[in-house]
Amino acid sequence: MRGAAGPRFIVPNDQLSAGPLVVEGHPLGEPAVRQAGWFPPQASSDHQLSAGPLVVRRDSHGGPAAGEAAGPPLDGAPASPSRAARGTRVRCMASPWRARRLTSSTTTIFAEMSALAVATGSVNLGQGFPDHDGPGFMLEAARQAISDGVNQYPPGRGIAPLRQAIAAHARRHQGLDYDPDTEVLVTTGATEALAATIQAYVDPGDEVIALEPFYDSYAASIDLAGGVRVGVGLFGPDFRLDHAELAAAFSPRTKLVLINSPHNPTGVVLGEDDLAAIARLAVAHDVLVVTDEVYEHLVFDGAVHRSLATFPGLRERTVRISSAGKTFSATGWKIGWAMGPAALIDEVTAVKQFLTYVSGAPFQPAVARALDEGDAWVAGATRDLQDRRDQLAEGLTSVGLSPVTPQGTFFMTTDVRPLGYEDGVAFCRDLPHRAGVVAIPHQVFYDDVEAGRPYVRWAFCKRREVLDEAVRRLAVLR
């Protein structure tokens, strides 16, 4: 039967084999034993089953039913070794109208794991958002703006005070001068800025070089543009950039280089040698550079973030992207921006105006104030975040894991093989049931799945008591 927002299914008893009911391609897609004939309430909600029609298939041996093409389980991961192999599988099928270029998963790993956290009452160290608010003066500025009637469409490029604050912030922290009237664009978060930039410059068949593992929106945006991802690995166990691999990635079809530093999910902050190598190759091959710098202030242990746009020959070919969400603990406000030469910003704006057009009217003056007055608050928040990084690292070490200490971002990485798992997806799907904690498997960020298979990402941007509770629960893994 079909609900108002999407398909819902009740599986009759005679269609269930003994064993787990597997929902493939959806949140809650991990195998779990269900009461015969029914989805549990959380698995049958319209919100969680709205990505496409569900087809029930008999599968008593873990393989495809007759007449169906074989395909991997969700995110290409095998079922957890601790689960029974036998059971009924339910697969979310693509509609017959879906565009071929939409090859990325319609359900992200973040949605799946967040739904699993709710369903199991787990501590969520998966999704990277803080559980505390930003500076009080910023919040008050937003409240005041709402009260003052700043609730209608702002200017297409963003209000002038915010564009001026963004330009001043770039000058203060990176020594880069941008004209706030022609070289700054306010966007609905950094994700929209990335999507608009990629759509503006990538034609079908163009190659986009990016550091692998990738933030998941990169893959979707490149796919939708018809581009081809070319990954350059920041692979474990040391997560360092291989300069020879980087040089070999360039070809006559390379259109754009997309660089994320500080890097999600590894926590790497690219050093001077790495950045200089990227800059030399970008100039030599005459390609566009797009930098994702949303974690620009969240760096630890004396690490320094330097924007690629500061290197010789780069400013005129670089679109710099950042946002307020991570810096000021306001991820739900979705206030981001892009900076670059006027011609590039005009072209990005031509796409952006047909995505959201504008957004966040009362939040824009609040973010402008935070950028102008919030440096001390950010410095204190970053010191506190480093302490919480160390707190979680100590806790993970106590249960037999060896965290890779990140230089920046909200995340740290562990290899889960010391706990008897070869596969991070299997570990992350078992973890809520075993310990009541949620993390994110690295391999969903990779094209080279094997390179990320044993690694898991943990978010430490949570309150201290939340991290303590997570570590307490993880003690069952010892």
Protein backbone atom coordinates (compact mmCIF):
# COMPACT_ATOMS: atom_id res chain seq x y z
CA MET A 1 0.00 0.00 0.00
CA ARG A 2 1.10 3.61 -0.56
CA GLY A 3 1.13 6.33 2.09
CA ALA A 4 0.82 10.00 1.39
CA ALA A 5 4.56 10.57 1.19
CA GLY A 6 5.88 7.28 -0.12
CA PRO A 7 5.48 3.51 -0.29
CA ARG A 8 4.76 1.33 2.73
CA PHE A 9 4.64 -2.42 2.83
CA ILE A 10 3.28 -5.12 5.09
CA VAL A 11 4.89 -8.41 4.18
CA PRO A 12 2.43 -11.32 4.50
CA ASN A 13 3.46 -14.26 6.64
CA ASP A 14 3.54 -16.62 3.69
CA GLN A 15 6.12 -14.45 1.93
CA LEU A 16 8.58 -14.52 4.83
CA SER A 17 11.18 -17.21 5.17
CA ALA A 18 12.68 -18.02 8.53
CA GLY A 19 15.42 -15.57 9.26
CA PRO A 20 16.00 -11.85 8.90
CA LEU A 21 14.05 -9.41 6.79
CA VAL A 22 16.54 -7.33 4.85
CA VAL A 23 15.57 -3.88 3.57
CA GLU A 24 18.10 -3.03 0.88
CA GLY A 25 18.70 0.52 -0.27
CA HIS A 26 16.97 2.20 2.68
CA PRO A 27 17.66 3.43 6.18
CA LEU A 28 17.31 0.55 8.62
CA GLY A 29 18.73 -1.59 5.84
CA GLU A 30 20.83 -3.78 8.10
CA PRO A 31 19.53 -7.31 8.61
CA ALA A 32 17.37 -7.63 11.67
CA VAL A 33 14.91 -10.25 12.78
CA ARG A 34 11.37 -8.91 12.44
CA GLN A 35 8.12 -10.20 13.86
CA ALA A 36 6.65 -12.37 11.11
CA GLY A 37 4.64 -10.38 8.62
CA TRP A 38 5.38 -6.84 9.84
CA PHE A 39 7.90 -4.05 9.60
CA PRO A 40 8.52 -2.53 13.02
CA PRO A 41 7.05 0.98 13.31
CA GLN A 42 10.31 2.80 12.61
CA ALA A 43 10.93 0.82 9.44
CA SER A 44 7.45 1.38 8.02
CA SER A 45 7.28 5.14 8.36
CA ASP A 46 6.70 7.13 5.21
CA HIS A 47 9.70 9.35 5.97
CA GLN A 48 12.10 6.44 5.92
CA LEU A 49 10.55 4.55 3.01
CA SER A 50 10.03 7.31 0.50
CA ALA A 51 12.95 6.86 -1.88
CA GLY A 52 11.17 4.52 -4.29
CA PRO A 53 8.88 1.52 -4.56
CA LEU A 54 9.72 -1.53 -2.50
CA VAL A 55 9.78 -4.94 -4.13
CA VAL A 56 9.61 -8.04 -1.95
CA ARG A 57 11.72 -10.92 -3.21
CA ARG A 58 12.25 -14.38 -1.89
CA ASP A 59 15.89 -14.97 -1.11
CA SER A 60 16.62 -17.81 1.23
CA HIS A 61 20.34 -18.02 0.48
CA GLY A 62 21.45 -14.40 0.38
CA GLY A 63 21.51 -14.22 -3.45
CA PRO A 64 19.17 -12.61 -5.98
CA ALA A 65 15.87 -14.19 -6.85
CA ALA A 66 15.33 -15.68 -10.30
CA GLY A 67 15.12 -13.01 -12.98
CA GLU A 68 16.82 -10.29 -10.87
CA ALA A 69 20.29 -8.97 -11.51
CA ALA A 70 22.77 -9.57 -8.72
CA GLY A 71 23.73 -6.51 -6.76
CA PRO A 72 25.58 -5.71 -3.53
CA PRO A 73 23.74 -4.81 -0.33
CA LEU A 74 23.45 -1.21 0.72
CA ASP A 75 26.67 0.77 0.12
CA GLY A 76 28.34 -2.29 -1.37
CA ALA A 77 28.83 -3.97 1.98
CA PRO A 78 28.28 -7.63 2.79
CA ALA A 79 25.79 -8.52 5.46
CA SER A 80 27.23 -8.59 8.95
CA PRO A 81 28.93 -11.91 9.68
CA SER A 82 27.07 -12.10 12.96
CA ARG A 83 23.69 -12.20 11.21
CA ALA A 84 21.97 -15.23 9.69
CA ALA A 85 22.37 -15.48 5.91
CA ARG A 86 18.86 -16.81 5.32
CA GLY A 87 15.83 -14.58 5.09
CA THR A 88 13.52 -12.46 2.98
CA ARG A 89 15.03 -9.48 1.24
CA VAL A 90 13.15 -6.29 0.43
CA ARG A 91 14.87 -3.99 -2.04
CA CYS A 92 14.18 -0.35 -2.76
CA MET A 93 14.10 -0.27 -6.57
CA ALA A 94 14.79 2.78 -8.75
CA SER A 95 11.80 4.24 -10.53
CA PRO A 96 11.62 3.74 -14.33
CA TRP A 97 12.01 7.51 -14.79
CA ARG A 98 15.26 8.11 -12.92
CA ALA A 99 17.93 9.93 -14.91
CA ARG A 100 20.99 7.84 -15.77
CA ARG A 101 23.29 10.48 -14.34
CA LEU A 102 21.73 9.94 -10.88
CA THR A 103 24.12 7.15 -9.91
CA SER A 104 24.79 8.20 -6.33
CA SER A 105 22.73 6.55 -3.57
CA THR A 106 19.44 8.28 -2.85
CA THR A 107 19.85 7.43 0.82
CA THR A 108 23.07 8.62 2.44
CA ILE A 109 24.99 6.69 5.05
CA PHE A 110 24.27 9.58 7.43
CA ALA A 111 20.53 9.10 7.07
CA GLU A 112 20.86 5.36 7.54
CA MET A 113 23.02 5.58 10.63
CA SER A 114 21.05 8.45 12.19
CA ALA A 115 17.86 6.42 11.75
CA LEU A 116 19.60 3.45 13.32
CA ALA A 117 20.71 5.62 16.25
CA VAL A 118 17.11 6.66 16.88
CA ALA A 119 15.77 3.14 16.48
CA THR A 120 18.26 1.68 18.96
CA GLY A 121 18.62 4.59 21.40
CA SER A 122 22.31 4.86 20.55
CA VAL A 123 24.78 7.66 21.20
CA ASN A 124 25.31 9.16 17.75
CA LEU A 125 29.00 9.78 17.01
CA GLY A 126 28.28 9.45 13.32
CA GLN A 127 26.94 12.67 11.89
CA GLY A 128 29.24 15.66 12.23
CA PHE A 129 27.18 18.34 13.91
CA PRO A 130 27.84 19.91 17.32
CA ASP A 131 25.33 19.40 20.13
CA HIS A 132 25.93 22.87 21.59
CA ASP A 133 25.09 26.37 20.33
CA GLY A 134 27.33 29.05 18.95
CA PRO A 135 28.09 32.45 20.49
CA GLY A 136 25.21 34.08 22.35
CA PHE A 137 25.60 37.44 20.60
CA MET A 138 25.15 35.69 17.23
CA LEU A 139 21.99 33.90 18.38
CA GLU A 140 20.59 37.14 19.77
CA ALA A 141 21.32 38.91 16.47
CA ALA A 142 19.22 36.29 14.64
CA ARG A 143 16.36 36.67 17.11
CA GLN A 144 16.49 40.42 16.76
CA ALA A 145 16.49 40.18 12.97
CA ILE A 146 13.35 38.03 13.06
CA SER A 147 11.68 40.49 15.42
CA ASP A 148 12.71 43.37 13.16
CA GLY A 149 10.99 41.77 10.16
CA VAL A 150 14.05 40.45 8.30
CA ASN A 151 12.02 37.51 7.03
CA GLN A 152 11.66 38.02 3.28
CA TYR A 153 13.98 37.36 0.35
CA PRO A 154 17.42 38.90 0.87
CA PRO A 155 19.42 40.10 -2.17
CA GLY A 156 20.41 37.31 -4.54
CA ARG A 157 24.09 37.50 -3.67
CA GLY A 158 23.48 37.97 0.04
CA ILE A 159 23.10 41.11 2.15
CA ALA A 160 25.90 43.64 1.82
CA PRO A 161 26.99 43.51 5.50
CA LEU A 162 27.52 39.73 5.27
CA ARG A 163 29.44 39.95 2.00
CA GLN A 164 31.58 42.68 3.55
CA ALA A 165 32.20 40.57 6.65
CA ILE A 166 33.18 37.56 4.51
CA ALA A 167 35.66 39.68 2.56
CA ALA A 168 37.11 41.19 5.75
CA HIS A 169 37.42 37.72 7.28
CA ALA A 170 39.38 36.46 4.24
CA ARG A 171 41.68 39.46 4.39
CA ARG A 172 42.25 39.09 8.14
CA HIS A 173 42.95 35.35 8.18
CA GLN A 174 44.44 34.62 4.75
CA GLY A 175 45.63 37.97 3.43
CA LEU A 176 43.31 37.64 0.43
CA ASP A 177 41.41 40.65 -0.92
CA TYR A 178 37.96 40.12 -2.44
CA ASP A 179 35.55 42.78 -3.63
CA PRO A 180 32.38 42.14 -1.57
CA ASP A 181 30.19 43.46 -4.39
CA THR A 182 31.54 41.31 -7.23
CA GLU A 183 33.71 38.54 -5.76
CA VAL A 184 31.59 37.16 -2.89
CA LEU A 185 28.41 35.05 -3.12
CA VAL A 186 26.32 33.91 -0.14
CA THR A 187 24.92 30.39 -0.55
CA THR A 188 22.71 27.90 1.25
CA GLY A 189 25.61 26.29 3.03
CA ALA A 190 28.88 25.13 1.50
CA THR A 191 27.11 22.16 -0.09
CA GLU A 192 25.11 24.44 -2.38
CA ALA A 193 28.22 26.45 -3.22
CA LEU A 194 29.98 23.22 -4.21
CA ALA A 195 27.03 21.99 -6.25
CA ALA A 196 26.61 25.29 -8.07
CA THR A 197 30.33 25.53 -8.83
CA ILE A 198 30.56 22.00 -10.17
CA GLN A 199 27.43 22.48 -12.30
CA ALA A 200 28.85 25.74 -13.63
CA TYR A 201 32.13 24.25 -14.83
CA VAL A 202 31.92 20.50 -15.36
CA ASP A 203 30.61 19.20 -18.70
CA PRO A 204 29.88 15.53 -19.44
CA GLY A 205 33.15 13.64 -19.66
CA ASP A 206 35.23 16.28 -17.85
CA GLU A 207 37.47 14.87 -15.14
CA VAL A 208 37.45 16.22 -11.60
CA ILE A 209 40.42 15.39 -9.39
CA ALA A 210 39.55 15.16 -5.70
CA LEU A 211 41.16 13.85 -2.57
CA GLU A 212 39.85 10.38 -1.75
CA PRO A 213 38.04 9.66 0.57
CA PHE A 214 35.54 12.26 -0.62
CA TYR A 215 32.83 14.12 1.26
CA ASP A 216 29.69 12.46 -0.12
CA SER A 217 28.18 15.50 -1.84
CA TYR A 218 31.19 15.65 -4.20
CA ALA A 219 30.26 12.36 -5.83
CA ALA A 220 26.62 13.36 -6.27
CA SER A 221 27.44 16.78 -7.74
CA ILE A 222 30.01 15.41 -10.16
CA ASP A 223 27.63 12.63 -11.23
CA LEU A 224 24.79 15.08 -11.85
CA ALA A 225 27.09 17.19 -14.04
CA GLY A 226 28.14 14.11 -16.02
CA GLY A 227 31.73 14.45 -14.85
CA VAL A 228 34.23 11.74 -14.00
CA ARG A 229 35.78 11.53 -10.54
CA VAL A 230 39.51 10.91 -10.37
CA GLY A 231 40.52 10.13 -6.83
CA VAL A 232 43.93 10.82 -5.34
CA GLY A 233 44.27 8.84 -2.16
CA LEU A 234 44.74 10.08 1.37
CA PHE A 235 44.80 6.42 2.36
CA GLY A 236 45.52 4.74 5.65
CA PRO A 237 47.32 3.97 7.75
CA ASP A 238 49.17 7.32 7.53
CA PHE A 239 46.67 9.30 5.38
CA ARG A 240 49.33 11.25 3.50
CA LEU A 241 49.14 12.73 0.03
CA ASP A 242 51.20 10.85 -2.58
CA HIS A 243 52.62 13.55 -4.85
CA ALA A 244 53.45 11.10 -7.65
CA GLU A 245 49.87 9.80 -7.65
CA LEU A 246 48.63 13.38 -7.69
CA ALA A 247 50.74 14.26 -10.74
CA ALA A 248 49.64 11.11 -12.57
CA ALA A 249 45.96 11.98 -12.02
CA PHE A 250 46.08 14.92 -14.44
CA SER A 251 45.12 14.33 -18.06
CA PRO A 252 43.97 16.38 -21.06
CA ARG A 253 40.39 15.86 -19.80
CA THR A 254 41.04 17.36 -16.34
CA LYS A 255 38.79 20.39 -15.89
CA LEU A 256 38.84 20.99 -12.16
CA VAL A 257 40.72 20.12 -8.98
CA LEU A 258 38.61 19.95 -5.81
CA ILE A 259 40.64 20.20 -2.60
CA ASN A 260 39.22 19.76 0.89
CA SER A 261 41.55 20.81 3.69
CA PRO A 262 41.18 20.43 6.63
CA HIS A 263 39.94 17.13 5.28
CA ASN A 264 36.77 15.22 6.07
CA PRO A 265 36.83 12.34 7.03
CA THR A 266 40.56 11.90 7.78
CA GLY A 267 41.25 15.09 9.75
CA VAL A 268 44.36 15.79 7.64
CA VAL A 269 45.49 19.41 7.23
CA LEU A 270 47.53 19.68 4.05
CA GLY A 271 51.02 21.07 4.61
CA GLU A 272 53.01 23.59 2.61
CA ASP A 273 54.66 20.93 0.41
CA ASP A 274 51.31 19.35 -0.43
CA LEU A 275 49.67 22.66 -1.25
CA ALA A 276 52.63 23.84 -3.31
CA ALA A 277 52.54 20.63 -5.37
CA ILE A 278 48.82 21.06 -6.06
CA ALA A 279 49.34 24.71 -7.00
CA ARG A 280 52.18 23.92 -9.44
CA LEU A 281 50.16 21.21 -11.18
CA ALA A 282 47.01 23.33 -11.39
CA VAL A 283 48.93 26.14 -13.10
CA ALA A 284 50.89 23.79 -15.36
CA HIS A 285 47.70 22.07 -16.57
CA ASP A 286 45.66 25.30 -16.61
CA VAL A 287 42.75 23.92 -14.59
CA LEU A 288 40.23 25.46 -12.24
CA VAL A 289 40.70 24.95 -8.49
CA VAL A 290 37.82 24.67 -6.01
CA THR A 291 38.66 24.64 -2.31
CA ASP A 292 36.35 23.36 0.41
CA GLU A 293 37.56 25.14 3.55
CA VAL A 294 34.60 24.69 5.91
CA TYR A 295 36.90 23.50 8.72
CA GLU A 296 39.39 26.31 8.17
CA HIS A 297 39.46 27.38 11.84
CA LEU A 298 39.12 23.95 13.46
CA VAL A 299 42.79 22.96 13.53
CA PHE A 300 44.78 21.61 16.47
CA ASP A 301 48.27 21.23 17.95
CA GLY A 302 49.63 24.29 16.18
CA ALA A 303 48.62 23.11 12.69
CA VAL A 304 48.07 25.94 10.22
CA HIS A 305 45.46 26.05 7.49
CA ARG A 306 46.59 27.95 4.42
CA SER A 307 44.25 28.52 1.49
CA LEU A 308 45.47 27.40 -1.92
CA ALA A 309 44.32 30.75 -3.27
CA THR A 310 47.31 32.37 -1.53
CA PHE A 311 49.82 30.54 -3.77
CA PRO A 312 51.25 32.21 -6.90
CA GLY A 313 48.95 31.91 -9.90
CA LEU A 314 46.06 30.46 -7.88
CA ARG A 315 43.83 33.35 -6.85
CA GLU A 316 42.69 34.01 -10.43
CA ARG A 317 41.72 30.36 -10.95
CA THR A 318 40.30 29.45 -7.52
CA VAL A 319 36.78 29.40 -6.10
CA ARG A 320 37.08 29.35 -2.31
CA ILE A 321 34.14 27.86 -0.42
CA SER A 322 33.42 27.98 3.31
CA SER A 323 30.52 28.38 5.72
CA ALA A 324 29.46 29.45 9.18
CA GLY A 325 27.96 26.12 10.21
CA LYS A 326 31.04 24.33 11.56
CA THR A 327 32.90 27.43 12.73
CA PHE A 328 30.02 28.87 14.75
CA SER A 329 28.12 25.67 15.69
CA ALA A 330 25.14 26.62 13.53
CA THR A 331 24.96 23.84 10.95
CA GLY A 332 21.16 24.16 10.64
CA TRP A 333 21.36 27.77 9.52
CA LYS A 334 22.97 26.76 6.21
CA ILE A 335 24.86 30.00 5.55
CA GLY A 336 27.82 29.44 3.25
CA TRP A 337 29.74 31.41 0.67
CA ALA A 338 31.95 31.31 -2.38
CA MET A 339 34.76 33.73 -3.17
CA GLY A 340 36.76 34.19 -6.32
CA PRO A 341 37.39 36.42 -9.33
CA ALA A 342 34.29 38.29 -10.46
CA ALA A 343 33.94 36.31 -13.70
CA LEU A 344 33.94 33.00 -11.81
CA ILE A 345 31.49 34.22 -9.17
CA ASP A 346 29.15 35.48 -11.93
CA GLU A 347 29.13 32.00 -13.46
CA VAL A 348 28.55 30.26 -10.12
CA THR A 349 25.74 32.73 -9.38
CA ALA A 350 24.10 31.88 -12.70
CA VAL A 351 23.61 28.32 -11.40
CA LYS A 352 23.01 29.11 -7.74
CA GLN A 353 20.09 31.43 -8.49
CA PHE A 354 18.12 28.47 -9.85
CA LEU A 355 18.88 26.15 -6.96
CA THR A 356 17.59 27.86 -3.80
CA TYR A 357 17.69 31.43 -5.15
CA VAL A 358 18.20 32.82 -1.63
CA SER A 359 17.80 31.65 1.96
CA GLY A 360 18.44 32.42 5.61
CA ALA A 361 17.40 36.09 5.65
CA PRO A 362 17.46 36.57 9.47
CA PHE A 363 20.59 34.46 9.83
CA GLN A 364 22.67 36.51 7.43
CA PRO A 365 23.06 39.57 9.68
CA ALA A 366 23.81 37.26 12.62
CA VAL A 367 26.59 35.50 10.71
CA ALA A 368 27.95 38.88 9.58
CA ARG A 369 28.28 39.88 13.22
CA ALA A 370 29.88 36.55 14.14
CA LEU A 371 32.50 36.91 11.41
CA ASP A 372 33.27 40.46 12.48
CA GLU A 373 33.32 39.90 16.24
CA GLY A 374 33.70 36.17 16.83
CA ASP A 375 37.44 35.42 16.49
CA ALA A 376 37.96 35.07 20.24
CA TRP A 377 34.91 32.81 20.58
CA VAL A 378 36.18 30.60 17.73
CA ALA A 379 39.64 30.33 19.30
CA GLY A 380 38.15 29.22 22.62
CA ALA A 381 35.77 26.77 20.95
CA THR A 382 38.65 25.24 19.00
CA ARG A 383 40.71 24.71 22.16
CA ASP A 384 37.73 23.03 23.77
CA LEU A 385 37.22 20.87 20.67
CA GLN A 386 40.85 19.74 20.86
CA ASP A 387 40.29 18.68 24.47
CA ARG A 388 37.25 16.66 23.42
CA ARG A 389 39.27 15.11 20.61
CA ASP A 390 41.78 13.93 23.19
CA GLN A 391 38.98 12.71 25.46
CA LEU A 392 37.49 10.49 22.76
CA ALA A 393 40.90 9.29 21.60
CA GLU A 394 41.70 8.14 25.14
CA GLY A 395 38.35 6.36 25.36
CA LEU A 396 38.74 4.59 22.03
CA THR A 397 42.23 3.50 23.01
CA SER A 398 40.85 1.99 26.22
CA VAL A 399 38.62 -0.40 24.24
CA GLY A 400 41.43 -1.66 22.02
CA LEU A 401 41.39 0.80 19.11
CA SER A 402 44.26 3.03 17.96
CA PRO A 403 42.90 6.40 16.81
CA VAL A 404 44.75 8.38 14.15
CA THR A 405 45.08 11.79 15.80
CA PRO A 406 43.46 14.37 13.49
CA GLN A 407 45.03 17.77 12.90
CA GLY A 408 41.63 19.32 12.28
CA THR A 409 37.85 18.89 11.69
CA PHE A 410 35.32 17.11 13.93
CA PHE A 411 36.49 13.57 13.19
CA MET A 412 39.00 10.89 14.04
CA THR A 413 39.63 7.54 12.40
CA THR A 414 40.25 4.06 13.76
CA ASP A 415 41.09 0.74 12.14
CA VAL A 416 38.55 -1.78 13.48
CA ARG A 417 40.57 -4.92 12.69
CA PRO A 418 41.93 -5.14 16.26
CA LEU A 419 38.33 -5.83 17.33
CA GLY A 420 37.98 -8.74 14.93
CA TYR A 421 36.25 -6.95 12.05
CA GLU A 422 37.65 -6.74 8.53
CA ASP A 423 34.83 -4.50 7.33
CA GLY A 424 33.89 -1.07 8.68
CA VAL A 425 30.30 -1.24 7.40
CA ALA A 426 29.72 -4.53 9.19
CA PHE A 427 31.22 -3.05 12.36
CA CYS A 428 29.07 0.10 12.17
CA ARG A 429 25.89 -1.88 11.58
CA ASP A 430 26.62 -4.18 14.51
CA LEU A 431 27.79 -1.44 16.86
CA PRO A 432 24.38 0.06 17.78
CA HIS A 433 23.10 -3.39 18.73
CA ARG A 434 26.25 -4.45 20.56
CA ALA A 435 27.12 -1.22 22.32
CA GLY A 436 24.47 1.43 21.69
CA VAL A 437 26.83 3.73 19.75
CA VAL A 438 26.78 4.87 16.11
CA ALA A 439 29.81 5.66 13.95
CA ILE A 440 30.34 6.03 10.18
CA PRO A 441 32.27 3.56 8.00
CA HIS A 442 35.01 5.14 5.90
CA GLN A 443 34.46 3.05 2.80
CA VAL A 444 31.28 4.92 1.83
CA PHE A 445 33.53 7.92 1.09
CA TYR A 446 35.74 5.93 -1.32
CA ASP A 447 35.66 4.82 -4.95
CA ASP A 448 38.46 2.43 -4.00
CA VAL A 449 36.34 0.61 -1.43
CA GLU A 450 39.13 -1.74 -0.36
CA ALA A 451 41.29 1.21 0.70
CA GLY A 452 38.65 2.31 3.19
CA ARG A 453 37.25 -1.05 4.25
CA PRO A 454 38.79 -1.39 7.74
CA TYR A 455 38.38 2.24 8.82
CA VAL A 456 35.64 3.98 10.81
CA ARG A 457 35.01 7.69 11.45
CA TRP A 458 34.04 8.97 14.91
CA ALA A 459 32.74 12.51 15.62
CA PHE A 460 34.07 14.22 18.76
CA CYS A 461 32.10 17.49 18.37
CA LYS A 462 29.79 16.44 21.21
CA ARG A 463 29.43 17.48 24.85
CA ARG A 464 31.87 15.86 27.26
CA GLU A 465 29.14 13.92 29.04
CA VAL A 466 27.98 12.48 25.69
CA LEU A 467 31.51 11.33 24.88
CA ASP A 468 31.84 9.82 28.37
CA GLU A 469 28.60 7.88 27.89
CA ALA A 470 29.72 6.63 24.48
CA VAL A 471 33.01 5.37 25.90
CA ARG A 472 31.21 3.74 28.81
CA ARG A 473 29.01 1.84 26.37
CA LEU A 474 31.93 0.90 24.13
CA ALA A 475 33.57 -0.91 27.05
CA VAL A 476 31.57 -4.02 26.04
CA LEU A 477 33.92 -4.34 23.04
CA ARG A 478 36.95 -5.07 25.17
